[in-house]
C-alpha atoms as a PDB file:
ATOM      1  CA  MET A   1       0.000   0.000   0.000  1.00  0.00           C
ATOM      2  CA  LYS A   2       1.354   3.421  -0.894  1.00  0.00           C
ATOM      3  CA  ARG A   3       1.710   5.848   2.005  1.00  0.00           C
ATOM      4  CA  TYR A   4       0.609   8.988   0.170  1.00  0.00           C
ATOM      5  CA  GLU A   5       0.201  10.557  -3.231  1.00  0.00           C
ATOM      6  CA  PHE A   6      -0.026  14.023  -4.684  1.00  0.00           C
ATOM      7  CA  LEU A   7      -3.333  14.651  -6.419  1.00  0.00           C
ATOM      8  CA  GLU A   8      -3.961  17.135  -9.193  1.00  0.00           C
ATOM      9  CA  HIS A   9      -4.681  20.710  -8.160  1.00  0.00           C
ATOM     10  CA  VAL A  10      -4.315  23.977 -10.056  1.00  0.00           C
ATOM     11  CA  SER A  11      -2.226  25.965  -7.590  1.00  0.00           C
ATOM     12  CA  ASP A  12      -1.854  24.167  -4.247  1.00  0.00           C
ATOM     13  CA  ALA A  13      -0.678  20.774  -2.966  1.00  0.00           C
ATOM     14  CA  TYR A  14      -3.594  18.338  -2.786  1.00  0.00           C
ATOM     15  CA  ILE A  15      -2.527  15.231  -0.888  1.00  0.00           C
ATOM     16  CA  ALA A  16      -4.049  11.844  -0.124  1.00  0.00           C
ATOM     17  CA  ALA A  17      -2.425   9.945   2.754  1.00  0.00           C
ATOM     18  CA  TYR A  18      -3.212   6.334   3.595  1.00  0.00           C
ATOM     19  CA  GLY A  19      -2.817   3.959   6.509  1.00  0.00           C
ATOM     20  CA  ARG A  20      -4.027   0.691   7.967  1.00  0.00           C
ATOM     21  CA  THR A  21      -4.789   2.682  11.114  1.00  0.00           C
ATOM     22  CA  LEU A  22      -5.745   6.300  11.643  1.00  0.00           C
ATOM     23  CA  GLU A  23      -2.398   6.814  13.397  1.00  0.00           C
ATOM     24  CA  GLU A  24      -0.481   5.492  10.389  1.00  0.00           C
ATOM     25  CA  ALA A  25      -2.479   7.735   8.027  1.00  0.00           C
ATOM     26  CA  PHE A  26      -1.655  10.795  10.189  1.00  0.00           C
ATOM     27  CA  GLN A  27       2.050   9.824  10.133  1.00  0.00           C
ATOM     28  CA  ASN A  28       1.967   9.588   6.350  1.00  0.00           C
ATOM     29  CA  ALA A  29       0.151  12.920   6.051  1.00  0.00           C
ATOM     30  CA  ALA A  30       2.964  14.591   8.011  1.00  0.00           C
ATOM     31  CA  GLU A  31       5.619  12.955   5.849  1.00  0.00           C
ATOM     32  CA  ALA A  32       3.812  14.071   2.684  1.00  0.00           C
ATOM     33  CA  MET A  33       3.649  17.654   3.952  1.00  0.00           C
ATOM     34  CA  PHE A  34       7.400  17.754   4.602  1.00  0.00           C
ATOM     35  CA  GLN A  35       8.087  16.030   1.270  1.00  0.00           C
ATOM     36  CA  THR A  36       6.191  18.911  -0.355  1.00  0.00           C
ATOM     37  CA  MET A  37       8.594  21.406   1.251  1.00  0.00           C
ATOM     38  CA  ILE A  38      11.959  19.597   1.160  1.00  0.00           C
ATOM     39  CA  GLU A  39      13.687  16.390   0.125  1.00  0.00           C
ATOM     40  CA  THR A  40      12.968  14.361   3.285  1.00  0.00           C
ATOM     41  CA  GLY A  41      15.547  11.707   2.391  1.00  0.00           C
ATOM     42  CA  THR A  42      18.264  14.215   3.329  1.00  0.00           C
ATOM     43  CA  VAL A  43      16.970  14.735   6.892  1.00  0.00           C
ATOM     44  CA  ALA A  44      19.059  13.125   9.635  1.00  0.00           C
ATOM     45  CA  LEU A  45      17.281  11.806  12.723  1.00  0.00           C
ATOM     46  CA  ALA A  46      19.397  13.893  15.108  1.00  0.00           C
ATOM     47  CA  LEU A  47      16.529  15.331  17.200  1.00  0.00           C
ATOM     48  CA  GLU A  48      13.642  13.543  18.880  1.00  0.00           C
ATOM     49  CA  GLU A  49      10.658  15.481  20.192  1.00  0.00           C
ATOM     50  CA  THR A  50       7.213  14.724  21.573  1.00  0.00           C
ATOM     51  CA  VAL A  51       4.297  16.589  20.018  1.00  0.00           C
ATOM     52  CA  THR A  52       0.630  16.687  20.975  1.00  0.00           C
ATOM     53  CA  ALA A  53      -2.404  17.991  19.128  1.00  0.00           C
ATOM     54  CA  GLU A  54      -6.118  18.227  19.881  1.00  0.00           C
ATOM     55  CA  GLY A  55      -9.276  18.847  17.904  1.00  0.00           C
ATOM     56  CA  CYS A  56     -13.050  18.871  18.243  1.00  0.00           C
ATOM     57  CA  ASP A  57     -13.272  16.220  15.481  1.00  0.00           C
ATOM     58  CA  ARG A  58     -10.883  14.166  13.362  1.00  0.00           C
ATOM     59  CA  GLU A  59     -10.598  16.879  10.699  1.00  0.00           C
ATOM     60  CA  ALA A  60      -9.688  19.506  13.305  1.00  0.00           C
ATOM     61  CA  LEU A  61      -7.162  17.071  14.758  1.00  0.00           C
ATOM     62  CA  LEU A  62      -5.553  16.550  11.336  1.00  0.00           C
ATOM     63  CA  TYR A  63      -5.460  20.309  10.758  1.00  0.00           C
ATOM     64  CA  ASN A  64      -3.925  20.999  14.194  1.00  0.00           C
ATOM     65  CA  TRP A  65      -1.387  18.154  13.816  1.00  0.00           C
ATOM     66  CA  LEU A  66      -0.107  19.446  10.485  1.00  0.00           C
ATOM     67  CA  GLU A  67      -0.239  23.083  11.622  1.00  0.00           C
ATOM     68  CA  THR A  68       1.811  22.229  14.725  1.00  0.00           C
ATOM     69  CA  LEU A  69       4.482  20.635  12.534  1.00  0.00           C
ATOM     70  CA  LEU A  70       4.453  23.523  10.060  1.00  0.00           C
ATOM     71  CA  LEU A  71       4.934  25.982  12.939  1.00  0.00           C
ATOM     72  CA  LYS A  72       7.926  23.977  14.174  1.00  0.00           C
ATOM     73  CA  PHE A  73       9.455  24.471  10.728  1.00  0.00           C
ATOM     74  CA  ASP A  74       8.526  28.162  10.460  1.00  0.00           C
ATOM     75  CA  MET A  75       9.232  29.259  14.040  1.00  0.00           C
ATOM     76  CA  GLU A  76      11.979  26.865  15.190  1.00  0.00           C
ATOM     77  CA  GLY A  77      13.695  26.140  11.872  1.00  0.00           C
ATOM     78  CA  LYS A  78      13.414  22.352  12.166  1.00  0.00           C
ATOM     79  CA  VAL A  79      12.625  19.698   9.574  1.00  0.00           C
ATOM     80  CA  TYR A  80      11.408  16.168  10.193  1.00  0.00           C
ATOM     81  CA  SER A  81      11.279  12.929   8.268  1.00  0.00           C
ATOM     82  CA  LYS A  82      10.123  10.343  10.825  1.00  0.00           C
ATOM     83  CA  PHE A  83       6.735  10.569  12.528  1.00  0.00           C
ATOM     84  CA  GLU A  84       5.346   8.069  15.008  1.00  0.00           C
ATOM     85  CA  VAL A  85       1.805   8.806  16.109  1.00  0.00           C
ATOM     86  CA  GLU A  86       1.553   6.697  19.232  1.00  0.00           C
ATOM     87  CA  LYS A  87      -2.178   6.991  19.793  1.00  0.00           C
ATOM     88  CA  ILE A  88      -5.226   8.941  18.727  1.00  0.00           C
ATOM     89  CA  GLN A  89      -7.857   9.027  21.444  1.00  0.00           C
ATOM     90  CA  GLU A  90     -11.427  10.247  21.569  1.00  0.00           C
ATOM     91  CA  ARG A  91     -12.754  11.481  24.894  1.00  0.00           C
ATOM     92  CA  ASP A  92     -16.118  13.205  25.326  1.00  0.00           C
ATOM     93  CA  GLY A  93     -16.249  14.084  21.632  1.00  0.00           C
ATOM     94  CA  GLU A  94     -12.732  15.584  21.623  1.00  0.00           C
ATOM     95  CA  PHE A  95      -9.767  14.035  19.836  1.00  0.00           C
ATOM     96  CA  ALA A  96      -6.117  14.078  20.896  1.00  0.00           C
ATOM     97  CA  LEU A  97      -2.889  12.610  19.623  1.00  0.00           C
ATOM     98  CA  LYS A  98       0.595  12.147  20.958  1.00  0.00           C
ATOM     99  CA  ALA A  99       3.519  11.605  18.614  1.00  0.00           C
ATOM    100  CA  THR A 100       7.278  11.311  18.514  1.00  0.00           C
ATOM    101  CA  ILE A 101       8.924  13.161  15.638  1.00  0.00           C
ATOM    102  CA  ARG A 102      12.529  12.980  14.475  1.00  0.00           C
ATOM    103  CA  GLY A 103      14.580  15.367  12.383  1.00  0.00           C
ATOM    104  CA  GLU A 104      17.168  18.111  12.564  1.00  0.00           C
ATOM    105  CA  PRO A 105      17.671  21.876  12.155  1.00  0.00           C
ATOM    106  CA  TYR A 106      16.871  23.088   8.647  1.00  0.00           C
ATOM    107  CA  ASN A 107      19.777  23.676   6.252  1.00  0.00           C
ATOM    108  CA  ALA A 108      18.764  24.935   2.780  1.00  0.00           C
ATOM    109  CA  GLU A 109      21.898  23.520   1.135  1.00  0.00           C
ATOM    110  CA  LYS A 110      21.428  20.064   2.604  1.00  0.00           C
ATOM    111  CA  HIS A 111      17.633  19.717   2.541  1.00  0.00           C
ATOM    112  CA  LYS A 112      16.992  20.962  -1.017  1.00  0.00           C
ATOM    113  CA  PRO A 113      13.931  23.204  -0.606  1.00  0.00           C
ATOM    114  CA  LYS A 114      11.038  22.656  -3.024  1.00  0.00           C
ATOM    115  CA  VAL A 115       8.066  24.956  -2.364  1.00  0.00           C
ATOM    116  CA  GLU A 116       6.937  27.068   0.567  1.00  0.00           C
ATOM    117  CA  VAL A 117       3.853  25.817   2.385  1.00  0.00           C
ATOM    118  CA  LYS A 118       2.008  28.883   3.658  1.00  0.00           C
ATOM    119  CA  ALA A 119      -0.761  27.101   5.516  1.00  0.00           C
ATOM    120  CA  VAL A 120      -2.755  23.950   6.086  1.00  0.00           C
ATOM    121  CA  THR A 121      -6.389  24.351   4.975  1.00  0.00           C
ATOM    122  CA  TYR A 122      -9.746  22.719   5.691  1.00  0.00           C
ATOM    123  CA  HIS A 123     -10.708  23.070   2.016  1.00  0.00           C
ATOM    124  CA  GLN A 124     -11.648  19.648   0.555  1.00  0.00           C
ATOM    125  CA  MET A 125     -10.401  17.916   3.728  1.00  0.00           C
ATOM    126  CA  GLU A 126     -11.742  14.379   4.043  1.00  0.00           C
ATOM    127  CA  ILE A 127     -11.141  11.456   6.371  1.00  0.00           C
ATOM    128  CA  LYS A 128     -12.569   8.129   5.208  1.00  0.00           C
ATOM    129  CA  GLU A 129     -12.380   4.641   6.638  1.00  0.00           C
ATOM    130  CA  GLN A 130     -13.054   1.739   4.317  1.00  0.00           C
ATOM    131  CA  LYS A 131     -12.129  -1.937   4.509  1.00  0.00           C
ATOM    132  CA  ARG A 132      -9.604  -1.509   7.349  1.00  0.00           C
ATOM    133  CA  ARG A 133      -7.882   1.339   5.545  1.00  0.00           C
ATOM    134  CA  TYR A 134      -7.906   5.066   6.217  1.00  0.00           C
ATOM    135  CA  GLU A 135      -7.667   7.739   3.558  1.00  0.00           C
ATOM    136  CA  LEU A 136      -6.999  11.382   4.435  1.00  0.00           C
ATOM    137  CA  LYS A 137      -7.227  14.170   1.865  1.00  0.00           C
ATOM    138  CA  PHE A 138      -6.133  17.723   2.479  1.00  0.00           C
ATOM    139  CA  ILE A 139      -4.813  20.814   0.719  1.00  0.00           C
ATOM    140  CA  LEU A 140      -1.710  22.803   1.590  1.00  0.00           C
ATOM    141  CA  ASP A 141      -1.737  26.453   0.541  1.00  0.00           C
ATOM    142  CA  LEU A 142       1.474  27.155  -1.367  1.00  0.00           C
END
């Protein structure tokens, strides 16, 4: 099973991420977002951090997860290539995730920048579960 693919869109990055579990699909969505910005194969696993995100539904959780990672790039100057979403939990209608992410400080010469991601959007965001497989679709504003 492929982890993610880039779908056709006129001006932005339209991504479909897949997983056998919702956690795996969220991991693959994060990898696809960073692959949009840089060549993730050049990222060393020098740093390990714990990240959390919350949302009022699964779509809000996906948005907040990706936005948290994008802010780490924009504000802290870090890039990541390994994402391990340990667990996604639902409690009283609220969703939360905890993840371990691995990467290093951004270096334009080493990481070969591609395009700038300005924002994660809710536009055309979908989360589907079918036959023990999750499919997430989302658009990144470039």
